Amino acid sequence: MARWKKRPTANHRLRADDCRRRPGVWIEIGAYSSGYSATATARRIRTADRLPYYSPAGAFETRTTPQPNGDTTVYARYTGAAS
């Protein structure tokens, strides 16, 4: 039986800092093999749920992009403190 390819884990602390240093610029957070995982991660970034590096909730926007190899990539950008 074939094994799944080991994927690098997204370093959310570094990615959140990158976003804050360049507000308004889309930064790649990571690639996910499942669209569901990518969507769940994008939601957690927007709401800062279980990912406190992206707080306060609403300070980041996210988008997901399907890739030709079947992965889904999550991108985020810092828009400033939520009002």
C-alpha atoms as a PDB file:
ATOM      1  CA  MET A   1       0.000   0.000   0.000  1.00  0.00           C
ATOM      2  CA  ALA A   2       1.330   3.439  -0.934  1.00  0.00           C
ATOM      3  CA  ARG A   3       1.979   5.986   1.785  1.00  0.00           C
ATOM      4  CA  TRP A   4       0.861   9.587   1.714  1.00  0.00           C
ATOM      5  CA  LYS A   5       3.535  12.115   0.905  1.00  0.00           C
ATOM      6  CA  LYS A   6       4.750  13.948   4.016  1.00  0.00           C
ATOM      7  CA  ARG A   7       3.788  17.615   3.796  1.00  0.00           C
ATOM      8  CA  PRO A   8       5.569  20.456   5.522  1.00  0.00           C
ATOM      9  CA  THR A   9       3.481  21.987   8.274  1.00  0.00           C
ATOM     10  CA  ALA A  10       2.603  25.673   7.973  1.00  0.00           C
ATOM     11  CA  ASN A  11       4.422  27.835  10.501  1.00  0.00           C
ATOM     12  CA  HIS A  12       1.500  30.084  11.383  1.00  0.00           C
ATOM     13  CA  ARG A  13       3.505  32.334  13.695  1.00  0.00           C
ATOM     14  CA  LEU A  14       5.921  33.249  10.878  1.00  0.00           C
ATOM     15  CA  ARG A  15       3.149  33.580   8.289  1.00  0.00           C
ATOM     16  CA  ALA A  16       1.085  35.888  10.525  1.00  0.00           C
ATOM     17  CA  ASP A  17       4.182  38.041  11.118  1.00  0.00           C
ATOM     18  CA  ASP A  18       4.865  38.144   7.356  1.00  0.00           C
ATOM     19  CA  CYS A  19       1.299  39.331   6.753  1.00  0.00           C
ATOM     20  CA  ARG A  20       1.571  42.052   9.395  1.00  0.00           C
ATOM     21  CA  ARG A  21       4.845  43.310   7.918  1.00  0.00           C
ATOM     22  CA  ARG A  22       3.201  43.622   4.482  1.00  0.00           C
ATOM     23  CA  PRO A  23      -0.445  44.655   5.036  1.00  0.00           C
ATOM     24  CA  GLY A  24      -2.747  44.146   2.072  1.00  0.00           C
ATOM     25  CA  VAL A  25      -0.403  41.657   0.333  1.00  0.00           C
ATOM     26  CA  TRP A  26      -1.593  38.066  -0.138  1.00  0.00           C
ATOM     27  CA  ILE A  27       0.857  35.661   1.559  1.00  0.00           C
ATOM     28  CA  GLU A  28       0.823  31.896   0.981  1.00  0.00           C
ATOM     29  CA  ILE A  29       0.081  30.137   4.247  1.00  0.00           C
ATOM     30  CA  GLY A  30       0.306  26.543   3.070  1.00  0.00           C
ATOM     31  CA  ALA A  31      -0.912  23.801   0.744  1.00  0.00           C
ATOM     32  CA  TYR A  32      -3.457  21.249   1.946  1.00  0.00           C
ATOM     33  CA  SER A  33      -4.328  17.932   0.323  1.00  0.00           C
ATOM     34  CA  SER A  34      -7.980  18.329   1.256  1.00  0.00           C
ATOM     35  CA  GLY A  35     -10.174  21.236   0.245  1.00  0.00           C
ATOM     36  CA  TYR A  36     -12.024  20.788   3.541  1.00  0.00           C
ATOM     37  CA  SER A  37      -8.805  21.206   5.551  1.00  0.00           C
ATOM     38  CA  ALA A  38      -7.885  24.301   3.575  1.00  0.00           C
ATOM     39  CA  THR A  39     -11.327  25.841   4.083  1.00  0.00           C
ATOM     40  CA  ALA A  40     -11.266  25.032   7.812  1.00  0.00           C
ATOM     41  CA  THR A  41      -7.806  26.590   8.174  1.00  0.00           C
ATOM     42  CA  ALA A  42      -8.917  29.702   6.286  1.00  0.00           C
ATOM     43  CA  ARG A  43     -11.908  30.060   8.633  1.00  0.00           C
ATOM     44  CA  ARG A  44      -9.679  29.625  11.691  1.00  0.00           C
ATOM     45  CA  ILE A  45      -7.362  32.351  10.417  1.00  0.00           C
ATOM     46  CA  ARG A  46     -10.251  34.799   9.883  1.00  0.00           C
ATOM     47  CA  THR A  47     -11.757  34.083  13.301  1.00  0.00           C
ATOM     48  CA  ALA A  48      -8.443  33.484  15.147  1.00  0.00           C
ATOM     49  CA  ASP A  49     -10.001  30.224  16.379  1.00  0.00           C
ATOM     50  CA  ARG A  50      -7.216  27.948  17.685  1.00  0.00           C
ATOM     51  CA  LEU A  51      -4.703  30.108  15.787  1.00  0.00           C
ATOM     52  CA  PRO A  52      -4.008  33.014  18.162  1.00  0.00           C
ATOM     53  CA  TYR A  53      -1.244  34.403  15.918  1.00  0.00           C
ATOM     54  CA  TYR A  54      -3.989  35.813  13.685  1.00  0.00           C
ATOM     55  CA  SER A  55      -5.819  37.721  16.417  1.00  0.00           C
ATOM     56  CA  PRO A  56      -7.829  39.816  16.739  1.00  0.00           C
ATOM     57  CA  ALA A  57     -10.614  38.069  14.878  1.00  0.00           C
ATOM     58  CA  GLY A  58     -11.405  39.844  11.629  1.00  0.00           C
ATOM     59  CA  ALA A  59      -7.929  41.346  11.145  1.00  0.00           C
ATOM     60  CA  PHE A  60      -7.103  38.917   8.307  1.00  0.00           C
ATOM     61  CA  GLU A  61      -8.788  38.019   5.027  1.00  0.00           C
ATOM     62  CA  THR A  62      -8.284  34.603   3.450  1.00  0.00           C
ATOM     63  CA  ARG A  63      -8.783  32.853   0.146  1.00  0.00           C
ATOM     64  CA  THR A  64      -8.296  29.285  -1.032  1.00  0.00           C
ATOM     65  CA  THR A  65      -7.069  28.310  -4.479  1.00  0.00           C
ATOM     66  CA  PRO A  66      -7.266  24.784  -5.943  1.00  0.00           C
ATOM     67  CA  GLN A  67      -4.049  23.630  -7.621  1.00  0.00           C
ATOM     68  CA  PRO A  68      -3.678  21.343 -10.675  1.00  0.00           C
ATOM     69  CA  ASN A  69      -2.071  18.614  -8.523  1.00  0.00           C
ATOM     70  CA  GLY A  70      -5.228  18.354  -6.377  1.00  0.00           C
ATOM     71  CA  ASP A  71      -3.960  20.410  -3.432  1.00  0.00           C
ATOM     72  CA  THR A  72      -5.660  23.552  -2.171  1.00  0.00           C
ATOM     73  CA  THR A  73      -3.509  26.526  -1.176  1.00  0.00           C
ATOM     74  CA  VAL A  74      -4.517  28.951   1.566  1.00  0.00           C
ATOM     75  CA  TYR A  75      -3.559  32.621   1.259  1.00  0.00           C
ATOM     76  CA  ALA A  76      -4.074  35.357   3.844  1.00  0.00           C
ATOM     77  CA  ARG A  77      -3.582  39.087   4.086  1.00  0.00           C
ATOM     78  CA  TYR A  78      -3.583  41.470   7.003  1.00  0.00           C
ATOM     79  CA  THR A  79      -6.177  44.207   6.730  1.00  0.00           C
ATOM     80  CA  GLY A  80      -5.657  45.824  10.118  1.00  0.00           C
ATOM     81  CA  ALA A  81      -7.325  45.573  13.462  1.00  0.00           C
ATOM     82  CA  ALA A  82     -10.949  44.537  13.347  1.00  0.00           C
ATOM     83  CA  SER A  83     -13.440  47.226  14.237  1.00  0.00           C
END
